[in-house]
Amino acid sequence: MKLGELIKNIEYKEICGNKDIGIEGLCTDSQKAKGGDLFFCYKGKTHDSHEFAEEAVKAGAAALVCERKLPLKVPQIIVCDGRKAVAPLARAFFGFSDKDMKFVAVTGTNGKTTTTYMLDGIFKAAGKKTGVIGTLGISYGEKFVAPELTTPDPIFLHGIIADMRDCGVEYVFMEVSAHALYFGKADGIKFDVGIFTNCTQDHLDFFGNMHEYAECKKLLFKDGRCKFAVINSDDKLGRQISEKVECLSYGLKNPADVFAVDIVEAINGTSFVINLFDELYDIKLNVPAIHNVYNAMGAAACAKIMGIKTEYIAKGLKELKTVSGRLERVARFNGADIFVDFAHTPDGLEKSLQALKKLCEGKLYCLFGCGGNRDKTKRPIMGEIASKYADFCIVTSDNPRYEDPYDIISEIEKGIKPSGKKYVTVTERETATEYAINLLEEGDILLVAGKGGEYYQEIMGIKHSYNDNSVIKKIIG
């Protein structure tokens, strides 16, 4: 594609050099630049990629998108914000592939992954060809791409979308994180439906405060980005969004277009009657907890307004056996049940422990940690929540990253100690898991929280192979 044709899709201040050169690829990482690439320069929080433009040019980059003119002998497109130029140019470079499919965006602190997989199950039950993009990776047809980010960066994202189109995918269910909205990763994609699940404390290390975090969540529902909005009416931010945009709602506590009655919770699943725009239908889920009833209602509301029959909605939800690491019942040992959950926020941990507490006939154990180099304020809060609901806590490492695990654990302990509850700290996660499993007796439940379906543990910049589910099964033999 000619550079001049490509840049018709963005606003720019100046063109320096020949705009008739051919562009064969797009790149934001100078170490991955190759011949014919258009290299993007912008200033981030810790690095300024203008400093690596020369390296990219030496590797073969044919042109630059940058925020200031650089002393390099290649064509340069000067823009106000280099990062904001990536998504529209990636979308154009890959032929606006998203226009050939229907897209659903799911945003919220918790519930994004489960909701996308519920949607995937529903639409597959209706005979549709689907794709999922999110925390657990990217899947469509027989293809699976391992996860890196909840919402991939635009160049990779639109390359995947183009391949989805070529593979015949009709519907794409995509997690859109607050970070993705802040950085404009999904800019240009017109979503047929946007689903808002909830907004609770997370990522304050990046956003600074809950107001800024919430404002980013709202971006999905501004400027006509979503044809329809499906909003959780029981969430404070959800109600704020519903006051600004025309939407359909779901909830249990406040008036809503979609709600559930006769909810029956069990260790192996949940059943309820859904009122789906005044149509009643029995629903059976293979996953426990009220928060999964919310996820199911959001997915059902979305599917219904996209023309899926209620019988297929019920069938798809019933046939979804589990979602990896989302309150997943992974084993039984000594008559006790062991669950793995991604709960890594105060709200997520509280909801999972509340759900399991109701189902526990013996003692409820909670093994968890908190991630390093992330929001430190939630650590004592999560300690307090764990001690409130669990009979015994095992505090361990999550992804310590560049922090000392002992320091993280110490901050979690500040929330546990005032309760007077007994707990233990075991820094090494596998050792902590084995210790917790050996405590279990008939009727007990162990929640292993924080990492969910992750297949690594990040320590000092290195991702070591680690998966809670696999470790548990190895320990119990």
Protein backbone atom coordinates (compact mmCIF):
# COMPACT_ATOMS: atom_id res chain seq x y z
CA MET A 1 0.00 0.00 0.00
CA LYS A 2 1.24 3.48 -0.87
CA LEU A 3 2.05 5.71 2.10
CA GLY A 4 -0.08 8.50 0.67
CA GLU A 5 -3.13 6.24 0.46
CA LEU A 6 -2.60 4.91 3.95
CA ILE A 7 -2.34 8.29 5.68
CA LYS A 8 -5.65 9.46 4.25
CA ASN A 9 -7.11 7.72 7.30
CA ILE A 10 -5.54 10.03 9.89
CA GLU A 11 -5.12 13.72 10.55
CA TYR A 12 -1.54 14.90 10.32
CA LYS A 13 0.36 18.17 10.54
CA GLU A 14 2.99 17.68 7.87
CA ILE A 15 4.46 15.26 5.34
CA CYS A 16 8.23 15.28 5.00
CA GLY A 17 9.49 13.30 2.02
CA ASN A 18 8.03 11.08 -0.65
CA LYS A 19 4.51 9.85 0.13
CA ASP A 20 4.43 7.52 -2.90
CA ILE A 21 6.66 4.86 -1.39
CA GLY A 22 5.19 1.44 -0.68
CA ILE A 23 4.47 0.28 2.86
CA GLU A 24 4.72 -3.45 3.46
CA GLY A 25 4.14 -3.60 7.23
CA LEU A 26 3.56 -1.64 10.43
CA CYS A 27 5.78 -1.64 13.51
CA THR A 28 6.01 -0.09 16.98
CA ASP A 29 9.04 -2.06 18.23
CA SER A 30 12.38 -1.11 16.67
CA GLN A 31 13.79 -4.56 17.46
CA LYS A 32 11.14 -6.14 15.25
CA ALA A 33 11.35 -3.63 12.38
CA LYS A 34 11.94 -5.00 8.89
CA GLY A 35 12.19 -3.80 5.31
CA GLY A 36 9.28 -1.69 4.09
CA ASP A 37 7.78 -1.05 7.54
CA LEU A 38 6.07 2.12 8.69
CA PHE A 39 7.50 2.75 12.18
CA PHE A 40 5.49 4.63 14.81
CA CYS A 41 7.14 7.02 17.27
CA TYR A 42 5.46 8.32 20.40
CA LYS A 43 6.28 9.20 23.97
CA GLY A 44 5.16 6.71 26.62
CA LYS A 45 5.30 6.81 30.41
CA THR A 46 8.82 5.39 30.61
CA HIS A 47 10.22 5.43 27.05
CA ASP A 48 10.13 7.68 23.99
CA SER A 49 10.25 5.58 20.82
CA HIS A 50 11.57 8.55 18.83
CA GLU A 51 14.90 7.53 20.37
CA PHE A 52 14.70 4.16 18.59
CA ALA A 53 13.66 5.47 15.17
CA GLU A 54 17.23 5.36 13.84
CA GLU A 55 17.50 1.70 14.85
CA ALA A 56 14.23 0.97 13.03
CA VAL A 57 15.43 2.77 9.88
CA LYS A 58 18.71 0.82 9.92
CA ALA A 59 16.62 -2.37 10.10
CA GLY A 60 14.76 -1.32 6.94
CA ALA A 61 11.82 0.85 8.05
CA ALA A 62 10.72 2.80 4.98
CA ALA A 63 8.91 5.67 6.72
CA LEU A 64 8.04 7.09 10.12
CA VAL A 65 4.97 8.40 11.90
CA CYS A 66 6.31 10.75 14.55
CA GLU A 67 5.43 13.68 16.77
CA ARG A 68 8.46 15.76 15.74
CA LYS A 69 10.76 15.82 12.71
CA LEU A 70 13.79 13.59 13.09
CA PRO A 71 17.19 13.90 11.35
CA LEU A 72 16.64 10.73 9.33
CA LYS A 73 16.50 10.34 5.55
CA VAL A 74 13.13 8.59 5.26
CA PRO A 75 9.63 10.03 4.72
CA GLN A 76 8.07 11.25 7.96
CA ILE A 77 4.41 11.89 8.80
CA ILE A 78 4.22 14.42 11.63
CA VAL A 79 1.20 13.96 13.89
CA CYS A 80 0.05 15.31 17.25
CA ASP A 81 -0.10 11.89 18.91
CA GLY A 82 1.80 8.98 17.41
CA ARG A 83 0.05 6.41 19.57
CA LYS A 84 -3.40 7.57 18.47
CA ALA A 85 -2.35 7.09 14.83
CA VAL A 86 -1.62 3.38 15.24
CA ALA A 87 -5.19 2.00 15.40
CA PRO A 88 -6.67 3.83 12.37
CA LEU A 89 -3.61 3.09 10.21
CA ALA A 90 -3.57 -0.57 11.27
CA ARG A 91 -7.26 -0.82 10.49
CA ALA A 92 -6.71 0.68 7.04
CA PHE A 93 -3.59 -1.39 6.30
CA PHE A 94 -5.50 -4.63 6.93
CA GLY A 95 -8.37 -3.56 4.71
CA PHE A 96 -10.98 -2.54 7.30
CA SER A 97 -11.62 -6.24 7.96
CA ASP A 98 -13.82 -5.47 10.97
CA LYS A 99 -16.52 -4.14 8.64
CA ASP A 100 -17.20 -7.69 7.44
CA MET A 101 -18.09 -9.03 10.89
CA LYS A 102 -20.23 -8.14 13.88
CA PHE A 103 -18.36 -7.10 17.02
CA VAL A 104 -19.33 -7.17 20.68
CA ALA A 105 -17.17 -5.32 23.23
CA VAL A 106 -17.24 -6.26 26.91
CA THR A 107 -15.75 -3.86 29.43
CA GLY A 108 -15.71 -3.83 33.24
CA THR A 109 -13.40 -4.65 36.13
CA ASN A 110 -14.62 -8.23 36.51
CA GLY A 111 -16.63 -10.62 34.36
CA LYS A 112 -15.26 -9.72 30.92
CA THR A 113 -13.72 -13.11 30.16
CA THR A 114 -16.66 -15.19 31.37
CA THR A 115 -19.15 -13.02 29.49
CA THR A 116 -17.25 -13.36 26.20
CA TYR A 117 -17.09 -17.14 26.57
CA MET A 118 -20.78 -17.31 27.42
CA LEU A 119 -21.50 -15.33 24.26
CA ASP A 120 -19.24 -17.63 22.28
CA GLY A 121 -21.15 -20.66 23.56
CA ILE A 122 -24.53 -19.10 22.81
CA PHE A 123 -23.69 -18.12 19.24
CA LYS A 124 -22.06 -21.48 18.53
CA ALA A 125 -25.23 -23.17 19.77
CA ALA A 126 -27.08 -21.08 17.18
CA GLY A 127 -24.74 -22.33 14.45
CA LYS A 128 -22.68 -19.15 14.07
CA LYS A 129 -18.93 -18.90 13.38
CA THR A 130 -17.30 -17.02 16.22
CA GLY A 131 -14.07 -15.59 17.54
CA VAL A 132 -13.00 -14.55 21.06
CA ILE A 133 -10.33 -11.99 21.93
CA GLY A 134 -9.32 -11.53 25.55
CA THR A 135 -7.35 -12.39 28.66
CA LEU A 136 -7.25 -16.14 27.96
CA GLY A 137 -6.01 -15.60 24.40
CA ILE A 138 -7.56 -15.48 20.95
CA SER A 139 -9.58 -18.38 19.57
CA TYR A 140 -11.48 -18.90 16.32
CA GLY A 141 -12.14 -21.97 14.26
CA GLU A 142 -9.33 -24.41 15.02
CA LYS A 143 -6.89 -21.62 15.82
CA PHE A 144 -5.66 -20.44 19.20
CA VAL A 145 -3.22 -17.60 19.91
CA ALA A 146 -1.68 -17.52 23.39
CA PRO A 147 -2.56 -14.50 25.54
CA GLU A 148 -0.33 -11.48 26.03
CA LEU A 149 -2.66 -8.58 26.79
CA THR A 150 -6.40 -8.46 27.51
CA THR A 151 -6.84 -6.28 24.42
CA PRO A 152 -4.01 -6.76 21.89
CA ASP A 153 -2.15 -3.79 20.44
CA PRO A 154 -3.76 -2.46 17.24
CA ILE A 155 -1.32 -3.83 14.65
CA PHE A 156 -1.54 -7.37 15.98
CA LEU A 157 -5.27 -6.97 16.65
CA HIS A 158 -6.16 -5.96 13.09
CA GLY A 159 -3.91 -8.65 11.64
CA ILE A 160 -5.89 -11.20 13.66
CA ILE A 161 -9.20 -9.63 12.65
CA ALA A 162 -8.20 -9.90 8.98
CA ASP A 163 -7.40 -13.59 9.44
CA MET A 164 -10.70 -14.11 11.25
CA ARG A 165 -12.52 -12.63 8.27
CA ASP A 166 -10.59 -14.89 5.88
CA CYS A 167 -11.55 -17.89 8.04
CA GLY A 168 -15.25 -17.04 7.78
CA VAL A 169 -15.81 -15.70 11.30
CA GLU A 170 -19.14 -13.87 11.59
CA TYR A 171 -19.18 -12.66 15.22
CA VAL A 172 -16.29 -11.48 17.40
CA PHE A 173 -16.54 -11.17 21.19
CA MET A 174 -13.82 -8.94 22.51
CA GLU A 175 -12.68 -7.89 25.96
CA VAL A 176 -11.93 -4.16 25.93
CA SER A 177 -9.97 -3.11 29.00
CA ALA A 178 -9.73 0.37 30.50
CA HIS A 179 -6.09 0.50 29.37
CA ALA A 180 -7.17 -0.33 25.82
CA LEU A 181 -9.73 2.47 25.88
CA TYR A 182 -7.18 4.90 27.31
CA PHE A 183 -4.62 4.07 24.61
CA GLY A 184 -7.21 3.93 21.81
CA LYS A 185 -6.39 0.33 20.87
CA ALA A 186 -9.87 -0.38 19.52
CA ASP A 187 -10.44 3.03 17.93
CA GLY A 188 -12.33 2.83 14.65
CA ILE A 189 -14.10 -0.46 15.33
CA LYS A 190 -17.86 0.03 15.41
CA PHE A 191 -19.29 -2.35 17.96
CA ASP A 192 -22.76 -3.74 17.40
CA VAL A 193 -23.13 -4.14 21.17
CA GLY A 194 -21.12 -2.86 24.11
CA ILE A 195 -21.59 -4.63 27.46
CA PHE A 196 -20.69 -3.00 30.78
CA THR A 197 -20.28 -5.48 33.65
CA ASN A 198 -19.12 -3.42 36.64
CA CYS A 199 -16.52 -0.98 37.94
CA THR A 200 -14.65 -1.67 41.18
CA GLN A 201 -11.15 -0.91 42.44
CA ASP A 202 -8.29 -1.98 40.18
CA HIS A 203 -5.38 -0.45 38.23
CA LEU A 204 -5.05 2.58 40.50
CA ASP A 205 -1.29 2.32 40.02
CA PHE A 206 -1.96 3.49 36.44
CA PHE A 207 -5.10 5.62 36.65
CA GLY A 208 -4.38 7.22 40.01
CA ASN A 209 -7.96 7.27 41.31
CA MET A 210 -11.34 5.66 40.74
CA HIS A 211 -12.72 8.71 38.92
CA GLU A 212 -10.12 8.52 36.15
CA TYR A 213 -10.51 4.74 35.93
CA ALA A 214 -14.29 5.08 35.60
CA GLU A 215 -13.98 7.82 32.98
CA CYS A 216 -11.98 5.43 30.79
CA LYS A 217 -14.68 2.77 31.08
CA LYS A 218 -17.22 5.32 29.87
CA LEU A 219 -15.27 5.90 26.64
CA LEU A 220 -16.70 2.73 25.11
CA PHE A 221 -20.18 4.23 25.19
CA LYS A 222 -19.38 7.67 23.79
CA ASP A 223 -19.48 9.07 20.25
CA GLY A 224 -21.71 6.30 18.91
CA ARG A 225 -19.03 3.61 19.21
CA CYS A 226 -21.68 1.00 20.12
CA LYS A 227 -24.94 0.55 18.24
CA PHE A 228 -26.52 -0.91 21.39
CA ALA A 229 -25.42 -0.70 25.02
CA VAL A 230 -26.15 -3.43 27.60
CA ILE A 231 -25.57 -2.11 31.11
CA ASN A 232 -25.51 -3.62 34.60
CA SER A 233 -28.14 -1.56 36.41
CA ASP A 234 -26.89 -2.70 39.84
CA ASP A 235 -23.54 -0.98 39.36
CA LYS A 236 -23.15 2.70 40.28
CA LEU A 237 -21.15 3.56 37.16
CA GLY A 238 -23.55 1.48 35.09
CA ARG A 239 -26.41 3.69 36.22
CA GLN A 240 -24.37 6.79 35.37
CA ILE A 241 -23.71 5.46 31.86
CA SER A 242 -27.39 4.60 31.38
CA GLU A 243 -28.32 8.22 32.09
CA LYS A 244 -26.16 9.37 29.18
CA VAL A 245 -26.83 6.74 26.51
CA GLU A 246 -29.80 4.79 25.27
CA CYS A 247 -29.34 1.28 26.62
CA LEU A 248 -30.83 -2.01 27.72
CA SER A 249 -30.21 -3.07 31.30
CA TYR A 250 -29.78 -6.21 33.38
CA GLY A 251 -29.69 -6.66 37.14
CA LEU A 252 -31.16 -8.21 40.27
CA LYS A 253 -31.55 -5.27 42.66
CA ASN A 254 -32.70 -2.37 40.47
CA PRO A 255 -35.33 -2.19 37.71
CA ALA A 256 -33.95 -3.81 34.57
CA ASP A 257 -34.98 -5.12 31.15
CA VAL A 258 -33.40 -8.47 31.96
CA PHE A 259 -33.46 -10.06 35.41
CA ALA A 260 -33.48 -13.43 37.14
CA VAL A 261 -35.73 -15.10 39.72
CA ASP A 262 -35.81 -18.45 41.54
CA ILE A 263 -32.01 -18.59 41.73
CA VAL A 264 -30.69 -21.89 43.12
CA GLU A 265 -26.96 -22.12 43.86
CA ALA A 266 -25.03 -25.39 44.16
CA ILE A 267 -21.41 -26.47 44.22
CA ASN A 268 -21.61 -27.69 40.62
CA GLY A 269 -23.63 -24.85 39.12
CA THR A 270 -26.53 -22.44 39.30
CA SER A 271 -30.08 -22.52 37.96
CA PHE A 272 -32.57 -19.68 37.60
CA VAL A 273 -35.46 -18.36 35.57
CA ILE A 274 -34.46 -15.49 33.32
CA ASN A 275 -36.89 -12.74 32.38
CA LEU A 276 -35.49 -11.76 29.00
CA PHE A 277 -37.46 -8.72 27.83
CA ASP A 278 -40.61 -10.29 29.36
CA GLU A 279 -39.90 -13.76 27.98
CA LEU A 280 -39.36 -16.36 30.73
CA TYR A 281 -36.93 -19.26 30.31
CA ASP A 282 -35.17 -21.78 32.58
CA ILE A 283 -31.39 -21.38 32.63
CA LYS A 284 -28.82 -23.84 33.93
CA LEU A 285 -25.16 -22.86 34.40
CA ASN A 286 -22.31 -25.25 35.14
CA VAL A 287 -20.56 -22.57 37.20
CA PRO A 288 -21.55 -21.38 40.68
CA ALA A 289 -22.01 -17.87 42.12
CA ILE A 290 -24.39 -14.95 41.73
CA HIS A 291 -21.81 -12.96 39.77
CA ASN A 292 -22.03 -15.60 37.04
CA VAL A 293 -25.80 -15.06 36.95
CA TYR A 294 -24.97 -11.43 36.15
CA ASN A 295 -22.54 -12.50 33.43
CA ALA A 296 -25.17 -14.80 31.95
CA MET A 297 -27.82 -12.06 31.99
CA GLY A 298 -25.48 -9.65 30.19
CA ALA A 299 -24.62 -12.27 27.57
CA ALA A 300 -28.28 -13.26 27.14
CA ALA A 301 -29.41 -9.65 26.70
CA CYS A 302 -26.72 -9.07 24.09
CA ALA A 303 -27.53 -12.25 22.18
CA LYS A 304 -31.26 -11.55 22.19
CA ILE A 305 -30.94 -8.07 20.69
CA MET A 306 -28.62 -9.55 18.05
CA GLY A 307 -31.39 -11.90 16.97
CA ILE A 308 -30.49 -15.16 18.73
CA LYS A 309 -33.47 -17.24 19.84
CA THR A 310 -33.87 -17.80 23.58
CA GLU A 311 -33.68 -21.58 23.19
CA TYR A 312 -30.16 -21.21 21.78
CA ILE A 313 -29.22 -18.80 24.56
CA ALA A 314 -30.24 -21.38 27.15
CA LYS A 315 -28.53 -24.20 25.22
CA GLY A 316 -25.26 -22.28 24.86
CA LEU A 317 -25.15 -21.37 28.55
CA LYS A 318 -25.91 -24.93 29.62
CA GLU A 319 -23.27 -26.45 27.33
CA LEU A 320 -20.48 -24.15 28.57
CA LYS A 321 -18.75 -26.48 31.04
CA THR A 322 -16.31 -24.00 32.53
CA VAL A 323 -14.15 -20.98 31.79
CA SER A 324 -10.48 -21.53 32.60
CA GLY A 325 -9.59 -20.08 35.97
CA ARG A 326 -12.94 -18.40 36.53
CA LEU A 327 -14.24 -19.95 39.74
CA GLU A 328 -13.29 -23.24 38.16
CA ARG A 329 -13.84 -26.38 40.22
CA VAL A 330 -10.62 -28.20 39.41
CA ALA A 331 -10.41 -31.09 41.89
CA ARG A 332 -11.73 -32.97 44.91
CA PHE A 333 -9.41 -34.15 47.67
CA ASN A 334 -10.27 -35.80 50.99
CA GLY A 335 -13.94 -34.99 50.33
CA ALA A 336 -13.14 -31.28 49.83
CA ASP A 337 -13.59 -29.15 46.71
CA ILE A 338 -10.79 -27.03 45.23
CA PHE A 339 -11.55 -23.98 43.10
CA VAL A 340 -9.21 -21.81 41.04
CA ASP A 341 -10.26 -18.23 40.37
CA PHE A 342 -8.72 -15.18 38.71
CA ALA A 343 -10.04 -12.99 41.56
CA HIS A 344 -7.29 -10.41 41.87
CA THR A 345 -9.33 -7.39 42.95
CA PRO A 346 -11.12 -6.70 46.25
CA ASP A 347 -14.55 -7.02 44.63
CA GLY A 348 -13.62 -10.17 42.71
CA LEU A 349 -12.23 -11.88 45.79
CA GLU A 350 -15.20 -10.89 47.92
CA LYS A 351 -17.76 -12.17 45.41
CA SER A 352 -16.02 -15.52 45.00
CA LEU A 353 -15.60 -16.03 48.74
CA GLN A 354 -19.21 -15.01 49.39
CA ALA A 355 -20.39 -17.54 46.83
CA LEU A 356 -18.30 -20.38 48.23
CA LYS A 357 -19.11 -19.54 51.85
CA LYS A 358 -22.78 -20.25 51.14
CA LEU A 359 -21.90 -23.65 49.68
CA CYS A 360 -19.29 -24.71 52.21
CA GLU A 361 -20.26 -27.40 54.73
CA GLY A 362 -16.88 -27.41 56.48
CA LYS A 363 -14.08 -24.85 56.56
CA LEU A 364 -13.43 -22.32 53.81
CA TYR A 365 -9.74 -21.82 53.03
CA CYS A 366 -8.38 -18.99 50.88
CA LEU A 367 -4.95 -19.01 49.26
CA PHE A 368 -4.01 -15.76 47.52
CA GLY A 369 -1.43 -13.06 46.96
CA CYS A 370 -1.24 -9.72 45.15
CA GLY A 371 0.69 -8.71 42.05
CA GLY A 372 3.85 -6.67 42.33
CA ASN A 373 4.30 -3.25 40.72
CA ARG A 374 0.54 -2.78 40.65
CA ASP A 375 -2.05 -1.02 42.82
CA LYS A 376 -0.64 -1.30 46.36
CA THR A 377 -3.72 0.16 48.06
CA LYS A 378 -5.80 -2.95 47.39
CA ARG A 379 -3.44 -5.31 49.27
CA PRO A 380 -4.66 -4.69 52.85
CA ILE A 381 -8.23 -4.45 51.55
CA MET A 382 -7.96 -7.93 50.04
CA GLY A 383 -6.41 -9.19 53.27
CA GLU A 384 -9.36 -7.83 55.22
CA ILE A 385 -11.87 -9.38 52.79
CA ALA A 386 -10.17 -12.78 52.89
CA SER A 387 -10.13 -12.84 56.69
CA LYS A 388 -13.78 -11.79 56.80
CA TYR A 389 -15.09 -14.73 54.76
CA ALA A 390 -12.45 -17.46 54.99
CA ASP A 391 -11.89 -19.55 58.08
CA PHE A 392 -8.17 -19.68 57.37
CA CYS A 393 -5.94 -17.79 54.92
CA ILE A 394 -2.72 -18.85 53.23
CA VAL A 395 -0.99 -15.71 51.96
CA THR A 396 1.56 -16.30 49.22
CA SER A 397 3.07 -14.85 46.04
CA ASP A 398 1.11 -13.99 42.92
CA ASN A 399 3.22 -12.31 40.22
CA PRO A 400 5.73 -10.38 42.35
CA ARG A 401 7.37 -8.89 39.26
CA TYR A 402 10.12 -6.57 40.49
CA GLU A 403 8.92 -6.30 44.09
CA ASP A 404 10.09 -8.32 47.06
CA PRO A 405 7.36 -10.93 47.76
CA TYR A 406 7.87 -10.44 51.51
CA ASP A 407 6.98 -6.76 51.17
CA ILE A 408 3.78 -7.57 49.27
CA ILE A 409 2.76 -10.20 51.82
CA SER A 410 3.48 -7.79 54.66
CA GLU A 411 1.04 -5.25 53.18
CA ILE A 412 -1.65 -7.94 52.80
CA GLU A 413 -1.13 -8.90 56.45
CA LYS A 414 -2.08 -5.37 57.54
CA GLY A 415 -5.64 -6.17 56.50
CA ILE A 416 -5.74 -9.61 58.11
CA LYS A 417 -4.23 -8.95 61.56
CA PRO A 418 -7.03 -6.74 62.98
CA SER A 419 -9.52 -9.59 62.44
CA GLY A 420 -7.69 -11.87 64.86
CA LYS A 421 -8.20 -14.74 62.39
CA LYS A 422 -5.50 -17.37 62.07
CA TYR A 423 -3.45 -17.32 58.89
CA VAL A 424 -0.06 -18.40 57.55
CA THR A 425 2.37 -16.90 55.05
CA VAL A 426 4.22 -19.15 52.61
CA THR A 427 6.14 -17.18 50.02
CA GLU A 428 6.65 -19.94 47.45
CA ARG A 429 3.27 -20.47 45.76
CA GLU A 430 3.54 -24.18 45.00
CA THR A 431 4.65 -24.92 48.56
CA ALA A 432 1.75 -22.80 49.84
CA THR A 433 -0.68 -24.73 47.64
CA GLU A 434 0.57 -28.07 48.91
CA TYR A 435 0.30 -26.84 52.50
CA ALA A 436 -3.29 -25.67 51.91
CA ILE A 437 -4.35 -28.92 50.23
CA ASN A 438 -3.01 -30.97 53.13
CA LEU A 439 -5.31 -29.05 55.51
CA LEU A 440 -8.47 -30.16 53.69
CA GLU A 441 -11.08 -32.45 55.21
CA GLU A 442 -14.58 -33.62 54.28
CA GLY A 443 -16.88 -30.71 53.36
CA ASP A 444 -14.11 -28.10 53.15
CA ILE A 445 -13.53 -25.76 50.21
CA LEU A 446 -10.21 -24.26 49.12
CA LEU A 447 -10.16 -21.18 46.90
CA VAL A 448 -6.84 -20.64 45.10
CA ALA A 449 -7.17 -17.05 43.91
CA GLY A 450 -5.35 -14.45 41.88
CA LYS A 451 -3.84 -16.15 38.85
CA GLY A 452 -6.76 -18.07 37.36
CA GLY A 453 -5.89 -19.55 33.99
CA GLU A 454 -2.45 -17.93 33.73
CA TYR A 455 0.39 -20.22 32.64
CA TYR A 456 3.24 -18.27 34.16
CA GLN A 457 4.50 -16.58 37.30
CA GLU A 458 6.41 -13.37 36.66
CA ILE A 459 9.46 -12.86 38.89
CA MET A 460 12.10 -10.18 38.22
CA GLY A 461 11.06 -9.77 34.60
CA ILE A 462 11.09 -13.49 33.83
CA LYS A 463 7.89 -15.46 33.21
CA HIS A 464 8.36 -18.88 34.77
CA SER A 465 6.03 -21.70 33.72
CA TYR A 466 3.29 -21.98 36.33
CA ASN A 467 -0.41 -22.86 36.35
CA ASP A 468 -2.53 -23.25 39.49
CA ASN A 469 -4.68 -25.99 37.99
CA SER A 470 -1.68 -28.08 36.91
CA VAL A 471 0.11 -27.60 40.24
CA ILE A 472 -2.98 -28.69 42.19
CA LYS A 473 -3.40 -31.83 40.11
CA LYS A 474 0.29 -32.67 40.48
CA ILE A 475 0.10 -32.32 44.27
CA ILE A 476 -2.97 -34.52 44.67
CA GLY A 477 -1.56 -37.05 42.19
